[in-house]
Amino acid sequence: MSAQLQISDARLEPIAQRVLAGERLSAEDGLALFQSHDLLAVGWLANHVREQRHGNLCYYNVNRHINPTNVCVAHCKLCAFGRSPDVSGAYTMGLEEIFARGAQGVAEGATEFHIVGGLHPDLSFEFYLDMIRGLKKRFPQIHLKAFTMVEVHYYARLSKLSIKDTLLKMKDAGVDSLPGGGAEIFHPRVRKIICDHKVSGQMWLQIARTAHEIGLRSNATMLFGHVETLEERVDHLVRLRESQDRTHGFVTFIPLEFHPGNTALAHVPKPTGIDALKTMAVSRLMLDNFDHIKAYWIMLTPRIAQIALGFGANDLDGTVVEEKIYHDAGATTPEGLTRTELERLIRAAGRVPVERDTLYNRVDRASMPPPPPAPARATGSFVPASSLTA
């Protein structure tokens, strides 16, 4: 065992031996890692795996978040973003507003649009397909990462289509991959408390598998730090690992730190930085068949995300530009960062920044044509849902 690794928790000794031998860890190993107070040893092991895979590189991308509506029928206790259609702050973008925000993203050099929103009671599936078709027609070079498994399930119900046919229509319209949101914690006990109107964990995994089977890649997430137990976190990671064994369709895993502000779970203490770093490290160690682990700076804060690059993470996400979901829950981070700022954060953490596209191909800015001039800044010209059904 490397002399660099100092272990103060004897339970970690056999786990460290398995990690250094490249062996798969068990659920019992994962729980022991979470329970250990030897954060530095857990982090050392995660960083060992991270550097074996990626050396000193850290990836980021230039992306633009587009949240078409915050009107949602689910009313999940974990969420501060969703609104009933008749309450203050509810909004729905028209197609031209969405296209204008896309044009701004292109002018800013985006290579990806990240598109998620609420489960709107009055918007048809065809509206979302028209949105995707319109974005792809106007910006064919942009990767469209659109619609969580929860949204896919909702669209299937709206349109009375199978999950597979819903996904095929999305793919035909121009969806290139799916984000990983809505996974939360898979265990039914937790979902009953925090998101009882969402799809089950089993259904989330089934939709992801179906997407992978038709050639759509996706991300995966875990929302941690609310009412779940450590055993339920480990169960979540194991179930993702088992699914990845079957399809190899997950691109990146993102541990998402719960922000309780302005939610029905506001009484729940916010996760600590130690919990965030340990969760990052255990995720890297348990998910041996995932290539990438992302430190989502929006939720972690840039400072914790920098530290996470030494605890298993090899990606900081992207420029984002306009993030609504977690800022509605009280996030105090910026809503976006520039390429220069992201690269500065990465270098300050002792890593080498690499700009990537959504599927982790390197982006060579020198060989790309200059972006078009930025259009007039979109001002949020939202329209009533009744005029948006298609």
Protein backbone atom coordinates (compact mmCIF):
# COMPACT_ATOMS: atom_id res chain seq x y z
CA MET A 1 0.00 0.00 0.00
CA SER A 2 1.31 3.46 -0.92
CA ALA A 3 3.13 5.27 1.90
CA GLN A 4 1.23 8.39 0.88
CA LEU A 5 -1.99 6.89 2.23
CA GLN A 6 -2.41 7.29 5.97
CA ILE A 7 -5.43 5.52 7.45
CA SER A 8 -6.73 6.21 10.94
CA ASP A 9 -9.90 4.11 10.59
CA ALA A 10 -9.11 0.39 10.60
CA ARG A 11 -12.34 -0.39 8.72
CA LEU A 12 -10.86 1.31 5.66
CA GLU A 13 -7.80 -0.96 5.44
CA PRO A 14 -9.43 -3.83 3.49
CA ILE A 15 -11.41 -1.35 1.38
CA ALA A 16 -8.23 0.49 0.46
CA GLN A 17 -6.63 -2.77 -0.59
CA ARG A 18 -9.57 -3.51 -2.90
CA VAL A 19 -9.50 0.00 -4.37
CA LEU A 20 -5.77 -0.19 -5.09
CA ALA A 21 -6.24 -3.63 -6.65
CA GLY A 22 -8.98 -2.29 -8.92
CA GLU A 23 -11.67 -4.49 -7.41
CA ARG A 24 -15.36 -3.61 -7.19
CA LEU A 25 -16.60 -2.41 -3.81
CA SER A 26 -19.67 -3.88 -2.14
CA ALA A 27 -22.63 -2.07 -0.64
CA GLU A 28 -21.12 -2.82 2.77
CA ASP A 29 -17.90 -1.13 1.66
CA GLY A 30 -19.86 1.92 0.52
CA LEU A 31 -21.60 2.21 3.87
CA ALA A 32 -18.31 1.91 5.74
CA LEU A 33 -16.85 4.70 3.60
CA PHE A 34 -19.81 6.95 4.40
CA GLN A 35 -19.62 6.14 8.12
CA SER A 36 -15.88 6.69 8.40
CA HIS A 37 -14.59 9.90 9.95
CA ASP A 38 -11.28 9.52 8.08
CA LEU A 39 -12.27 11.96 5.35
CA LEU A 40 -8.74 12.42 4.06
CA ALA A 41 -8.20 8.69 3.53
CA VAL A 42 -11.54 8.34 1.74
CA GLY A 43 -10.63 11.36 -0.39
CA TRP A 44 -7.14 9.98 -1.10
CA LEU A 45 -8.63 6.75 -2.43
CA ALA A 46 -11.15 8.60 -4.60
CA ASN A 47 -8.44 10.87 -5.95
CA HIS A 48 -6.30 7.81 -6.73
CA VAL A 49 -9.10 6.41 -8.91
CA ARG A 50 -9.74 9.82 -10.45
CA GLU A 51 -6.10 10.33 -11.41
CA GLN A 52 -5.79 6.80 -12.77
CA ARG A 53 -8.61 7.62 -15.18
CA HIS A 54 -8.03 11.29 -15.97
CA GLY A 55 -4.60 12.28 -14.70
CA ASN A 56 -4.55 15.96 -13.82
CA LEU A 57 -7.26 17.02 -16.26
CA CYS A 58 -10.52 18.72 -15.30
CA TYR A 59 -13.31 19.12 -17.81
CA TYR A 60 -15.87 21.88 -18.26
CA ASN A 61 -18.18 23.03 -21.03
CA VAL A 62 -19.84 26.18 -22.29
CA ASN A 63 -23.53 25.56 -21.85
CA ARG A 64 -26.76 27.46 -21.51
CA HIS A 65 -29.58 26.42 -19.19
CA ILE A 66 -33.08 26.98 -20.58
CA ASN A 67 -36.02 26.37 -18.21
CA PRO A 68 -39.13 26.86 -20.39
CA THR A 69 -41.61 26.93 -17.50
CA ASN A 70 -41.74 26.65 -13.73
CA VAL A 71 -45.44 25.72 -13.72
CA CYS A 72 -45.64 22.19 -12.36
CA VAL A 73 -48.33 19.80 -11.22
CA ALA A 74 -46.01 17.70 -9.03
CA HIS A 75 -45.64 19.99 -5.96
CA CYS A 76 -42.66 18.03 -4.61
CA LYS A 77 -41.58 18.92 -1.07
CA LEU A 78 -37.95 19.10 -2.17
CA CYS A 79 -38.60 21.76 -4.82
CA ALA A 80 -38.60 25.56 -4.63
CA PHE A 81 -38.80 25.97 -8.42
CA GLY A 82 -42.26 24.63 -9.29
CA ARG A 83 -45.34 26.87 -9.12
CA SER A 84 -49.07 26.53 -9.62
CA PRO A 85 -50.09 28.43 -12.75
CA ASP A 86 -52.01 31.11 -10.86
CA VAL A 87 -49.44 32.08 -8.21
CA SER A 88 -46.95 34.94 -8.19
CA GLY A 89 -43.72 34.07 -9.96
CA ALA A 90 -45.21 31.46 -12.27
CA TYR A 91 -43.96 31.80 -15.83
CA THR A 92 -44.07 30.05 -19.18
CA MET A 93 -41.92 31.07 -22.12
CA GLY A 94 -43.25 31.29 -25.64
CA LEU A 95 -41.31 29.58 -28.41
CA GLU A 96 -39.81 32.80 -29.70
CA GLU A 97 -38.55 33.65 -26.22
CA ILE A 98 -36.92 30.22 -26.00
CA PHE A 99 -35.32 30.65 -29.42
CA ALA A 100 -34.04 34.10 -28.41
CA ARG A 101 -32.38 32.64 -25.32
CA GLY A 102 -30.87 29.96 -27.52
CA ALA A 103 -29.45 32.63 -29.81
CA GLN A 104 -27.90 34.37 -26.81
CA GLY A 105 -26.29 31.09 -25.78
CA VAL A 106 -24.83 30.58 -29.25
CA ALA A 107 -23.46 34.13 -29.23
CA GLU A 108 -21.79 33.32 -25.90
CA GLY A 109 -20.10 30.27 -27.45
CA ALA A 110 -22.34 27.55 -26.03
CA THR A 111 -22.00 24.02 -27.35
CA GLU A 112 -24.93 22.68 -25.30
CA PHE A 113 -28.43 23.71 -24.27
CA HIS A 114 -29.51 22.08 -21.00
CA ILE A 115 -33.32 22.10 -21.07
CA VAL A 116 -35.53 21.09 -18.13
CA GLY A 117 -38.72 22.54 -16.69
CA GLY A 118 -41.89 21.95 -14.75
CA LEU A 119 -44.67 19.49 -15.59
CA HIS A 120 -47.07 22.03 -17.07
CA PRO A 121 -50.75 20.97 -17.05
CA ASP A 122 -51.67 22.88 -20.23
CA LEU A 123 -48.70 22.34 -22.57
CA SER A 124 -48.95 19.45 -24.99
CA PHE A 125 -46.11 17.13 -25.89
CA GLU A 126 -46.19 18.65 -29.37
CA PHE A 127 -45.24 22.04 -27.89
CA TYR A 128 -42.01 20.56 -26.54
CA LEU A 129 -41.31 18.77 -29.81
CA ASP A 130 -41.83 22.06 -31.67
CA MET A 131 -39.40 23.71 -29.28
CA ILE A 132 -36.74 21.06 -29.95
CA ARG A 133 -37.32 21.15 -33.71
CA GLY A 134 -37.08 24.93 -33.70
CA LEU A 135 -33.86 24.98 -31.69
CA LYS A 136 -32.26 22.26 -33.83
CA LYS A 137 -33.25 24.02 -37.06
CA ARG A 138 -31.84 27.35 -35.90
CA PHE A 139 -28.76 25.97 -34.13
CA PRO A 140 -27.90 22.58 -35.68
CA GLN A 141 -24.40 22.64 -34.17
CA ILE A 142 -25.71 22.77 -30.58
CA HIS A 143 -26.13 19.59 -28.53
CA LEU A 144 -29.64 19.51 -27.08
CA LYS A 145 -29.60 17.85 -23.65
CA ALA A 146 -33.28 17.94 -22.86
CA PHE A 147 -35.91 16.52 -20.52
CA THR A 148 -35.41 14.43 -17.40
CA MET A 149 -36.85 10.92 -17.00
CA VAL A 150 -39.63 12.53 -14.95
CA GLU A 151 -40.56 14.80 -17.86
CA VAL A 152 -40.41 11.90 -20.32
CA HIS A 153 -42.84 9.93 -18.18
CA TYR A 154 -45.18 12.93 -18.01
CA TYR A 155 -45.08 13.46 -21.78
CA ALA A 156 -45.85 9.79 -22.34
CA ARG A 157 -48.93 10.11 -20.14
CA LEU A 158 -50.01 13.31 -21.90
CA SER A 159 -49.64 11.85 -25.36
CA LYS A 160 -50.80 8.31 -24.48
CA LEU A 161 -47.62 6.89 -25.98
CA SER A 162 -45.27 4.25 -24.66
CA ILE A 163 -42.04 5.41 -23.04
CA LYS A 164 -40.08 4.09 -26.01
CA ASP A 165 -42.26 5.88 -28.57
CA THR A 166 -42.09 9.10 -26.56
CA LEU A 167 -38.29 8.91 -26.53
CA LEU A 168 -38.19 8.08 -30.24
CA LYS A 169 -40.27 11.18 -31.02
CA MET A 170 -37.93 13.28 -28.89
CA LYS A 171 -34.90 11.85 -30.65
CA ASP A 172 -36.46 12.38 -34.08
CA ALA A 173 -37.21 16.03 -33.18
CA GLY A 174 -33.56 16.64 -32.28
CA VAL A 175 -32.92 15.66 -28.66
CA ASP A 176 -29.31 14.48 -28.46
CA SER A 177 -29.12 13.30 -24.84
CA LEU A 178 -30.99 13.49 -21.54
CA PRO A 179 -30.00 15.22 -18.28
CA GLY A 180 -29.94 13.20 -15.08
CA GLY A 181 -32.35 15.13 -12.88
CA GLY A 182 -35.32 13.68 -11.01
CA ALA A 183 -33.47 10.62 -9.72
CA GLU A 184 -33.34 12.13 -6.20
CA ILE A 185 -33.00 9.01 -4.01
CA PHE A 186 -34.44 5.83 -5.51
CA HIS A 187 -35.68 4.24 -2.28
CA PRO A 188 -39.50 4.34 -2.06
CA ARG A 189 -39.46 5.43 1.59
CA VAL A 190 -37.63 8.61 0.66
CA ARG A 191 -39.62 9.32 -2.49
CA LYS A 192 -42.87 9.06 -0.55
CA ILE A 193 -41.67 11.92 1.67
CA ILE A 194 -39.91 14.25 -0.74
CA CYS A 195 -41.49 13.65 -4.17
CA ASP A 196 -44.48 11.38 -3.89
CA HIS A 197 -46.00 12.62 -7.17
CA LYS A 198 -42.91 11.79 -9.23
CA VAL A 199 -42.10 8.55 -10.98
CA SER A 200 -40.74 5.77 -8.82
CA GLY A 201 -37.04 5.10 -8.66
CA GLN A 202 -37.62 1.87 -10.55
CA MET A 203 -39.44 3.74 -13.33
CA TRP A 204 -36.67 6.37 -13.52
CA LEU A 205 -34.16 3.60 -14.13
CA GLN A 206 -36.43 1.89 -16.65
CA ILE A 207 -36.83 5.11 -18.67
CA ALA A 208 -33.07 5.65 -18.60
CA ARG A 209 -32.48 2.10 -19.83
CA THR A 210 -34.99 2.57 -22.64
CA ALA A 211 -33.31 5.83 -23.68
CA HIS A 212 -29.93 4.11 -23.75
CA GLU A 213 -31.32 1.22 -25.79
CA ILE A 214 -32.45 3.58 -28.58
CA GLY A 215 -29.10 5.34 -28.66
CA LEU A 216 -29.68 8.31 -26.36
CA ARG A 217 -27.03 8.84 -23.67
CA SER A 218 -27.95 10.44 -20.35
CA ASN A 219 -26.53 11.68 -17.09
CA ALA A 220 -27.41 10.37 -13.64
CA THR A 221 -27.80 12.21 -10.35
CA MET A 222 -28.37 11.69 -6.65
CA LEU A 223 -29.90 14.40 -4.45
CA PHE A 224 -28.34 13.98 -1.02
CA GLY A 225 -28.58 15.64 2.37
CA HIS A 226 -32.31 15.64 3.22
CA VAL A 227 -34.23 12.72 4.78
CA GLU A 228 -32.30 9.80 3.30
CA THR A 229 -30.14 7.42 5.32
CA LEU A 230 -26.58 6.52 4.39
CA GLU A 231 -27.83 3.03 3.50
CA GLU A 232 -30.30 4.59 1.06
CA ARG A 233 -27.51 6.61 -0.56
CA VAL A 234 -25.49 3.45 -1.06
CA ASP A 235 -28.52 1.62 -2.45
CA HIS A 236 -28.97 4.46 -4.97
CA LEU A 237 -25.34 4.19 -6.12
CA VAL A 238 -25.50 0.41 -6.41
CA ARG A 239 -28.67 0.54 -8.49
CA LEU A 240 -27.08 3.07 -10.85
CA ARG A 241 -24.01 0.87 -11.14
CA GLU A 242 -26.13 -2.17 -11.96
CA SER A 243 -28.00 -0.21 -14.64
CA GLN A 244 -24.73 1.03 -16.12
CA ASP A 245 -23.48 -2.57 -16.29
CA ARG A 246 -26.42 -3.36 -18.56
CA THR A 247 -26.50 -0.35 -20.89
CA HIS A 248 -23.29 1.69 -20.49
CA GLY A 249 -25.46 4.67 -21.38
CA PHE A 250 -24.70 7.04 -18.50
CA VAL A 251 -22.15 9.72 -19.39
CA THR A 252 -21.65 11.46 -16.06
CA PHE A 253 -22.76 11.13 -12.45
CA ILE A 254 -23.57 14.29 -10.49
CA PRO A 255 -24.10 14.24 -6.71
CA LEU A 256 -26.50 17.12 -6.05
CA GLU A 257 -26.42 18.81 -2.67
CA PHE A 258 -29.92 19.51 -1.33
CA HIS A 259 -30.81 23.17 -0.81
CA PRO A 260 -33.73 23.33 1.65
CA GLY A 261 -34.46 27.05 1.35
CA ASN A 262 -38.00 27.97 0.23
CA THR A 263 -39.07 24.31 0.17
CA ALA A 264 -41.43 22.30 2.35
CA LEU A 265 -38.28 20.78 3.86
CA ALA A 266 -36.83 24.12 4.96
CA HIS A 267 -36.41 22.73 8.48
CA VAL A 268 -33.85 20.18 7.25
CA PRO A 269 -30.24 21.27 7.90
CA LYS A 270 -28.21 21.97 4.80
CA PRO A 271 -25.48 19.39 4.08
CA THR A 272 -22.03 20.30 5.35
CA GLY A 273 -18.96 20.68 3.19
CA ILE A 274 -17.56 17.48 4.72
CA ASP A 275 -20.71 15.58 3.73
CA ALA A 276 -20.49 16.95 0.20
CA LEU A 277 -16.85 15.96 -0.20
CA LYS A 278 -17.38 12.51 1.29
CA THR A 279 -20.38 11.91 -0.99
CA MET A 280 -18.29 12.95 -3.99
CA ALA A 281 -15.51 10.57 -2.97
CA VAL A 282 -17.76 7.59 -2.20
CA SER A 283 -19.56 8.12 -5.52
CA ARG A 284 -16.24 7.93 -7.37
CA LEU A 285 -15.26 4.77 -5.51
CA MET A 286 -18.59 2.96 -5.89
CA LEU A 287 -19.36 3.90 -9.51
CA ASP A 288 -16.46 2.06 -11.09
CA ASN A 289 -18.25 1.86 -14.45
CA PHE A 290 -18.89 5.62 -14.73
CA ASP A 291 -16.19 7.53 -16.57
CA HIS A 292 -16.96 10.95 -15.11
CA ILE A 293 -18.01 12.42 -11.76
CA LYS A 294 -19.13 16.04 -11.79
CA ALA A 295 -18.77 18.65 -9.06
CA TYR A 296 -21.72 20.90 -9.90
CA TRP A 297 -20.39 24.26 -8.72
CA ILE A 298 -23.86 25.88 -8.75
CA MET A 299 -24.93 23.74 -5.79
CA LEU A 300 -21.62 23.08 -4.08
CA THR A 301 -20.24 26.64 -4.38
CA PRO A 302 -17.12 27.20 -6.49
CA ARG A 303 -14.87 26.77 -3.42
CA ILE A 304 -16.20 23.34 -2.42
CA ALA A 305 -16.25 22.31 -6.10
CA GLN A 306 -12.55 23.18 -6.34
CA ILE A 307 -11.78 20.97 -3.33
CA ALA A 308 -13.93 18.21 -4.81
CA LEU A 309 -11.45 17.98 -7.69
CA GLY A 310 -9.18 16.27 -5.14
CA PHE A 311 -12.01 14.01 -3.87
CA GLY A 312 -12.86 12.15 -7.06
CA ALA A 313 -14.49 14.75 -9.30
CA ASN A 314 -13.03 15.42 -12.74
CA ASP A 315 -15.60 17.90 -14.07
CA LEU A 316 -16.98 21.28 -12.91
CA ASP A 317 -20.02 21.40 -15.27
CA GLY A 318 -20.17 24.58 -17.33
CA THR A 319 -20.86 28.25 -17.70
CA VAL A 320 -24.64 27.69 -17.14
CA VAL A 321 -25.43 31.45 -17.55
CA GLU A 322 -28.96 31.47 -16.11
CA GLU A 323 -29.76 28.87 -13.46
CA LYS A 324 -33.18 29.03 -11.82
CA ILE A 325 -33.96 25.76 -10.06
CA TYR A 326 -31.41 25.87 -7.24
CA HIS A 327 -31.35 29.63 -6.94
CA ASP A 328 -35.06 29.51 -6.19
CA ALA A 329 -34.07 27.21 -3.31
CA GLY A 330 -31.72 29.80 -1.90
CA ALA A 331 -28.45 29.08 -3.69
CA THR A 332 -26.16 32.10 -3.32
CA THR A 333 -23.69 31.13 -6.03
CA PRO A 334 -23.56 33.13 -9.28
CA GLU A 335 -26.06 32.10 -11.95
CA GLY A 336 -23.21 31.69 -14.41
CA LEU A 337 -19.46 31.82 -14.84
CA THR A 338 -17.36 32.66 -17.89
CA ARG A 339 -14.89 30.29 -19.52
CA THR A 340 -12.08 32.41 -18.09
CA GLU A 341 -13.51 32.17 -14.56
CA LEU A 342 -13.98 28.41 -14.79
CA GLU A 343 -10.45 27.90 -16.07
CA ARG A 344 -9.10 30.09 -13.28
CA LEU A 345 -10.93 27.98 -10.67
CA ILE A 346 -9.58 24.77 -12.18
CA ARG A 347 -5.98 25.99 -12.38
CA ALA A 348 -6.15 27.34 -8.81
CA ALA A 349 -7.12 23.82 -7.72
CA GLY A 350 -3.95 22.48 -9.35
CA ARG A 351 -5.74 20.91 -12.32
CA VAL A 352 -5.47 21.42 -16.08
CA PRO A 353 -8.69 22.77 -17.66
CA VAL A 354 -10.05 21.02 -20.76
CA GLU A 355 -13.11 22.36 -22.56
CA ARG A 356 -15.37 19.52 -23.67
CA ASP A 357 -18.65 19.01 -25.44
CA THR A 358 -21.54 17.13 -23.84
CA LEU A 359 -20.06 13.70 -24.67
CA TYR A 360 -16.54 14.65 -23.53
CA ASN A 361 -14.98 15.29 -26.91
CA ARG A 362 -12.42 18.08 -26.65
CA VAL A 363 -13.51 21.46 -28.00
CA ASP A 364 -10.91 23.29 -30.09
CA ARG A 365 -11.95 26.95 -30.05
CA ALA A 366 -9.19 27.88 -32.48
CA SER A 367 -10.75 25.79 -35.23
CA MET A 368 -14.33 26.93 -34.61
CA PRO A 369 -15.95 29.78 -36.57
CA PRO A 370 -16.59 32.89 -34.46
CA PRO A 371 -20.04 33.00 -32.89
CA PRO A 372 -22.65 35.33 -34.40
CA PRO A 373 -23.28 38.69 -32.74
CA ALA A 374 -25.40 38.51 -29.63
CA PRO A 375 -29.07 39.35 -30.24
CA ALA A 376 -30.96 41.78 -28.08
CA ARG A 377 -31.05 40.46 -24.54
CA ALA A 378 -34.18 38.44 -23.83
CA THR A 379 -36.28 40.19 -21.24
CA GLY A 380 -38.53 37.36 -20.08
CA SER A 381 -41.54 38.01 -22.29
CA PHE A 382 -43.56 35.18 -20.85
CA VAL A 383 -47.04 34.40 -22.07
CA PRO A 384 -50.07 32.62 -20.58
CA ALA A 385 -50.06 28.85 -20.86
CA SER A 386 -53.41 28.88 -22.61
CA SER A 387 -51.82 30.41 -25.68
CA LEU A 388 -48.99 27.87 -25.80
CA THR A 389 -50.77 24.58 -26.27
CA ALA A 390 -49.89 23.03 -29.60
